[in-house]
Amino acid sequence: MSPLFRRGDRRTPESSSGSSHERLVTLIGKPGCHLCDDAQEVIEKVCGDLGVSWEKKDITQDEELHRLYWEQIPVVLVDGAQHTFWRVNEERLRKALSAKP
């Protein structure tokens, strides 16, 4: 079971390869969302492998995020730009994070 989403809850990998170029992945979702849990698993794996920081934000705690994304959660941002929604493809995320920002 995944922990509750907290606004600004940033996760940093324990080992950083230094190749992250200060990249940031943001997972926008809500508690109790099975697609959000699935997306988090992919994000944890890819970000952990690449040494990229990630955070998660709860649309139920942020009116602006709710207005923008309530029909698309989970939404994944890479460096603040929307990367995907609903399902996260591991290889596509890995490729996006491996590219120069």
N, C-alpha and C. Protein backbone atom coordinates (compact mmCIF):
# COMPACT_ATOMS: atom_id res chain seq x y z
N MET A 1 0.84 -1.18 0.00
CA MET A 1 0.00 0.00 0.00
C MET A 1 0.88 1.24 0.00
N SER A 2 0.57 2.18 -0.85
CA SER A 2 1.41 3.38 -0.97
C SER A 2 1.01 4.41 0.08
N PRO A 3 1.95 5.27 0.48
CA PRO A 3 1.63 6.31 1.45
C PRO A 3 0.73 7.35 0.82
N LEU A 4 0.08 8.14 1.65
CA LEU A 4 -0.75 9.22 1.15
C LEU A 4 0.10 10.23 0.41
N PHE A 5 -0.50 10.84 -0.59
CA PHE A 5 0.19 11.89 -1.32
C PHE A 5 0.23 13.13 -0.43
N ARG A 6 1.34 13.79 -0.45
CA ARG A 6 1.48 15.04 0.29
C ARG A 6 2.04 16.08 -0.66
N ARG A 7 1.47 17.26 -0.62
CA ARG A 7 1.93 18.32 -1.52
C ARG A 7 3.41 18.57 -1.29
N GLY A 8 4.17 18.51 -2.38
CA GLY A 8 5.59 18.81 -2.28
C GLY A 8 6.41 17.69 -1.67
N ASP A 9 5.85 16.50 -1.55
CA ASP A 9 6.57 15.37 -0.98
C ASP A 9 7.62 14.92 -1.99
N ARG A 10 8.85 15.34 -1.79
CA ARG A 10 9.91 15.06 -2.75
C ARG A 10 10.70 13.84 -2.32
N ARG A 11 10.92 12.96 -3.26
CA ARG A 11 11.72 11.76 -3.01
C ARG A 11 13.04 11.92 -3.74
N THR A 12 14.11 11.58 -3.08
CA THR A 12 15.42 11.64 -3.71
C THR A 12 16.04 10.26 -3.63
N PRO A 13 16.59 9.77 -4.71
CA PRO A 13 17.20 8.45 -4.68
C PRO A 13 18.39 8.42 -3.72
N GLU A 14 18.60 7.25 -3.13
CA GLU A 14 19.68 7.12 -2.16
C GLU A 14 21.05 7.24 -2.80
N SER A 15 21.16 6.79 -4.03
CA SER A 15 22.44 6.92 -4.71
C SER A 15 22.23 7.73 -5.96
N SER A 16 23.03 8.75 -6.15
CA SER A 16 22.89 9.60 -7.33
C SER A 16 24.11 9.44 -8.21
N SER A 17 23.85 9.23 -9.48
CA SER A 17 24.96 9.01 -10.40
C SER A 17 25.57 10.32 -10.88
N GLY A 18 24.92 11.45 -10.53
CA GLY A 18 25.44 12.73 -10.99
C GLY A 18 25.05 13.05 -12.41
N SER A 19 24.35 12.15 -13.09
CA SER A 19 23.97 12.37 -14.47
C SER A 19 22.56 12.92 -14.61
N SER A 20 21.96 13.33 -13.51
CA SER A 20 20.55 13.72 -13.55
C SER A 20 20.34 15.12 -14.09
N HIS A 21 21.38 15.96 -14.18
CA HIS A 21 21.25 17.33 -14.66
C HIS A 21 20.18 18.06 -13.88
N GLU A 22 20.01 17.73 -12.60
CA GLU A 22 19.00 18.34 -11.74
C GLU A 22 17.60 18.17 -12.32
N ARG A 23 17.33 17.04 -12.90
CA ARG A 23 16.01 16.73 -13.45
C ARG A 23 15.04 16.51 -12.30
N LEU A 24 13.76 16.68 -12.57
CA LEU A 24 12.73 16.44 -11.57
C LEU A 24 11.50 15.85 -12.24
N VAL A 25 11.05 14.73 -11.71
CA VAL A 25 9.81 14.10 -12.16
C VAL A 25 8.76 14.38 -11.10
N THR A 26 7.58 14.80 -11.53
CA THR A 26 6.47 15.07 -10.62
C THR A 26 5.32 14.15 -10.98
N LEU A 27 4.83 13.43 -9.98
CA LEU A 27 3.66 12.58 -10.13
C LEU A 27 2.49 13.31 -9.49
N ILE A 28 1.45 13.57 -10.28
CA ILE A 28 0.25 14.24 -9.78
C ILE A 28 -0.86 13.20 -9.75
N GLY A 29 -1.43 13.01 -8.57
CA GLY A 29 -2.47 12.00 -8.43
C GLY A 29 -3.29 12.25 -7.19
N LYS A 30 -3.87 11.18 -6.66
CA LYS A 30 -4.64 11.29 -5.44
C LYS A 30 -4.60 9.95 -4.70
N PRO A 31 -4.83 9.98 -3.40
CA PRO A 31 -4.85 8.75 -2.62
C PRO A 31 -5.94 7.80 -3.11
N GLY A 32 -5.65 6.51 -3.07
CA GLY A 32 -6.62 5.50 -3.45
C GLY A 32 -6.76 5.25 -4.93
N CYS A 33 -5.89 5.84 -5.73
CA CYS A 33 -5.93 5.71 -7.18
C CYS A 33 -4.96 4.59 -7.59
N HIS A 34 -5.49 3.48 -8.11
CA HIS A 34 -4.61 2.35 -8.45
C HIS A 34 -3.69 2.70 -9.61
N LEU A 35 -4.13 3.52 -10.56
CA LEU A 35 -3.24 3.93 -11.65
C LEU A 35 -2.10 4.79 -11.12
N CYS A 36 -2.39 5.59 -10.09
CA CYS A 36 -1.35 6.42 -9.47
C CYS A 36 -0.30 5.54 -8.80
N ASP A 37 -0.76 4.48 -8.14
CA ASP A 37 0.17 3.54 -7.51
C ASP A 37 1.04 2.86 -8.56
N ASP A 38 0.43 2.47 -9.67
CA ASP A 38 1.19 1.84 -10.76
C ASP A 38 2.23 2.81 -11.32
N ALA A 39 1.81 4.06 -11.52
CA ALA A 39 2.72 5.09 -12.04
C ALA A 39 3.89 5.31 -11.08
N GLN A 40 3.59 5.33 -9.78
CA GLN A 40 4.64 5.55 -8.79
C GLN A 40 5.69 4.44 -8.84
N GLU A 41 5.26 3.21 -9.03
CA GLU A 41 6.21 2.10 -9.12
C GLU A 41 7.19 2.30 -10.28
N VAL A 42 6.67 2.71 -11.43
CA VAL A 42 7.52 2.94 -12.60
C VAL A 42 8.46 4.11 -12.33
N ILE A 43 7.93 5.19 -11.78
CA ILE A 43 8.75 6.38 -11.49
C ILE A 43 9.85 6.05 -10.50
N GLU A 44 9.52 5.34 -9.43
CA GLU A 44 10.53 4.96 -8.44
C GLU A 44 11.65 4.16 -9.09
N LYS A 45 11.29 3.22 -9.94
CA LYS A 45 12.29 2.37 -10.58
C LYS A 45 13.18 3.18 -11.52
N VAL A 46 12.58 3.93 -12.43
CA VAL A 46 13.35 4.68 -13.42
C VAL A 46 14.19 5.77 -12.74
N CYS A 47 13.58 6.52 -11.85
CA CYS A 47 14.33 7.59 -11.18
C CYS A 47 15.44 7.03 -10.31
N GLY A 48 15.18 5.91 -9.66
CA GLY A 48 16.21 5.26 -8.87
C GLY A 48 17.38 4.80 -9.72
N ASP A 49 17.07 4.21 -10.87
CA ASP A 49 18.12 3.74 -11.78
C ASP A 49 18.96 4.89 -12.32
N LEU A 50 18.30 6.02 -12.60
CA LEU A 50 18.99 7.14 -13.25
C LEU A 50 19.48 8.22 -12.28
N GLY A 51 19.15 8.08 -11.01
CA GLY A 51 19.57 9.09 -10.04
C GLY A 51 18.84 10.41 -10.20
N VAL A 52 17.56 10.34 -10.55
CA VAL A 52 16.75 11.53 -10.75
C VAL A 52 15.80 11.72 -9.57
N SER A 53 15.66 12.95 -9.12
CA SER A 53 14.73 13.25 -8.03
C SER A 53 13.30 13.22 -8.54
N TRP A 54 12.39 12.88 -7.63
CA TRP A 54 10.98 12.89 -7.98
C TRP A 54 10.16 13.32 -6.78
N GLU A 55 8.96 13.78 -7.06
CA GLU A 55 8.04 14.22 -6.02
C GLU A 55 6.64 13.80 -6.43
N LYS A 56 5.74 13.83 -5.45
CA LYS A 56 4.34 13.56 -5.79
C LYS A 56 3.47 14.63 -5.15
N LYS A 57 2.42 14.96 -5.88
CA LYS A 57 1.49 15.99 -5.43
C LYS A 57 0.08 15.46 -5.53
N ASP A 58 -0.74 15.85 -4.56
CA ASP A 58 -2.10 15.37 -4.41
C ASP A 58 -3.06 16.42 -4.97
N ILE A 59 -3.85 16.05 -5.98
CA ILE A 59 -4.79 17.02 -6.54
C ILE A 59 -5.90 17.39 -5.56
N THR A 60 -6.13 16.57 -4.56
CA THR A 60 -7.18 16.90 -3.58
C THR A 60 -6.71 17.98 -2.61
N GLN A 61 -5.43 18.29 -2.61
CA GLN A 61 -4.88 19.30 -1.72
C GLN A 61 -4.47 20.58 -2.45
N ASP A 62 -4.70 20.64 -3.74
CA ASP A 62 -4.25 21.79 -4.53
C ASP A 62 -5.31 22.10 -5.60
N GLU A 63 -6.03 23.20 -5.41
CA GLU A 63 -7.12 23.55 -6.31
C GLU A 63 -6.66 23.73 -7.76
N GLU A 64 -5.50 24.33 -7.97
CA GLU A 64 -5.01 24.55 -9.32
C GLU A 64 -4.67 23.24 -10.02
N LEU A 65 -4.00 22.33 -9.31
CA LEU A 65 -3.70 21.02 -9.89
C LEU A 65 -4.99 20.27 -10.20
N HIS A 66 -5.95 20.36 -9.29
CA HIS A 66 -7.24 19.69 -9.51
C HIS A 66 -7.91 20.25 -10.76
N ARG A 67 -7.93 21.55 -10.91
CA ARG A 67 -8.56 22.19 -12.08
C ARG A 67 -7.88 21.74 -13.38
N LEU A 68 -6.55 21.67 -13.36
CA LEU A 68 -5.81 21.33 -14.56
C LEU A 68 -5.86 19.85 -14.94
N TYR A 69 -5.84 18.97 -13.93
CA TYR A 69 -5.55 17.56 -14.22
C TYR A 69 -6.59 16.55 -13.72
N TRP A 70 -7.70 16.96 -13.16
CA TRP A 70 -8.59 16.00 -12.49
C TRP A 70 -9.07 14.88 -13.40
N GLU A 71 -9.16 15.10 -14.70
CA GLU A 71 -9.62 14.04 -15.60
C GLU A 71 -8.48 13.18 -16.13
N GLN A 72 -7.24 13.52 -15.82
CA GLN A 72 -6.10 12.82 -16.42
C GLN A 72 -5.26 12.02 -15.44
N ILE A 73 -5.51 12.09 -14.16
CA ILE A 73 -4.58 11.49 -13.21
C ILE A 73 -4.46 9.98 -13.43
N PRO A 74 -3.28 9.47 -13.17
CA PRO A 74 -2.07 10.20 -12.79
C PRO A 74 -1.46 10.95 -13.97
N VAL A 75 -0.88 12.07 -13.64
CA VAL A 75 -0.17 12.88 -14.62
C VAL A 75 1.29 12.91 -14.21
N VAL A 76 2.18 12.78 -15.18
CA VAL A 76 3.61 12.83 -14.90
C VAL A 76 4.20 14.03 -15.63
N LEU A 77 4.90 14.86 -14.87
CA LEU A 77 5.63 16.00 -15.42
C LEU A 77 7.11 15.68 -15.37
N VAL A 78 7.83 16.10 -16.38
CA VAL A 78 9.29 16.01 -16.37
C VAL A 78 9.78 17.44 -16.49
N ASP A 79 10.49 17.89 -15.47
CA ASP A 79 10.99 19.27 -15.41
C ASP A 79 9.87 20.27 -15.63
N GLY A 80 8.69 19.99 -15.07
CA GLY A 80 7.57 20.91 -15.11
C GLY A 80 6.69 20.82 -16.35
N ALA A 81 7.09 20.06 -17.35
CA ALA A 81 6.30 19.90 -18.58
C ALA A 81 5.59 18.55 -18.56
N GLN A 82 4.34 18.51 -19.01
CA GLN A 82 3.61 17.25 -19.00
C GLN A 82 4.27 16.23 -19.92
N HIS A 83 4.55 15.08 -19.33
CA HIS A 83 5.18 13.98 -20.06
C HIS A 83 4.12 12.97 -20.51
N THR A 84 3.22 12.61 -19.60
CA THR A 84 2.21 11.61 -19.91
C THR A 84 1.09 11.68 -18.89
N PHE A 85 0.03 10.90 -19.13
CA PHE A 85 -1.04 10.75 -18.15
C PHE A 85 -1.63 9.35 -18.28
N TRP A 86 -2.36 8.94 -17.25
CA TRP A 86 -2.99 7.63 -17.08
C TRP A 86 -1.98 6.50 -16.92
N ARG A 87 -1.23 6.17 -17.93
CA ARG A 87 -0.26 5.06 -17.83
C ARG A 87 1.14 5.59 -18.11
N VAL A 88 2.11 5.11 -17.35
CA VAL A 88 3.49 5.54 -17.53
C VAL A 88 4.26 4.41 -18.18
N ASN A 89 4.85 4.69 -19.32
CA ASN A 89 5.66 3.72 -20.03
C ASN A 89 7.10 3.86 -19.55
N GLU A 90 7.64 2.78 -18.98
CA GLU A 90 8.98 2.82 -18.40
C GLU A 90 10.04 3.25 -19.40
N GLU A 91 10.03 2.67 -20.57
CA GLU A 91 11.07 3.00 -21.56
C GLU A 91 10.96 4.44 -22.06
N ARG A 92 9.74 4.92 -22.23
CA ARG A 92 9.55 6.30 -22.69
C ARG A 92 10.03 7.29 -21.62
N LEU A 93 9.73 7.01 -20.36
CA LEU A 93 10.19 7.88 -19.27
C LEU A 93 11.71 7.84 -19.17
N ARG A 94 12.27 6.66 -19.26
CA ARG A 94 13.72 6.51 -19.21
C ARG A 94 14.40 7.31 -20.33
N LYS A 95 13.84 7.23 -21.52
CA LYS A 95 14.39 7.96 -22.67
C LYS A 95 14.29 9.47 -22.46
N ALA A 96 13.15 9.93 -21.94
CA ALA A 96 12.98 11.36 -21.69
C ALA A 96 13.96 11.87 -20.66
N LEU A 97 14.22 11.08 -19.64
CA LEU A 97 15.14 11.50 -18.58
C LEU A 97 16.61 11.37 -18.99
N SER A 98 16.88 10.53 -19.95
CA SER A 98 18.25 10.36 -20.43
C SER A 98 18.67 11.43 -21.44
N ALA A 99 17.67 12.09 -22.02
CA ALA A 99 17.94 13.16 -22.99
C ALA A 99 18.42 14.41 -22.25
N LYS A 100 19.19 15.23 -22.90
CA LYS A 100 19.63 16.48 -22.28
C LYS A 100 18.43 17.38 -22.07
N PRO A 101 18.39 18.05 -20.90
CA PRO A 101 17.25 18.94 -20.62
C PRO A 101 17.24 20.17 -21.51
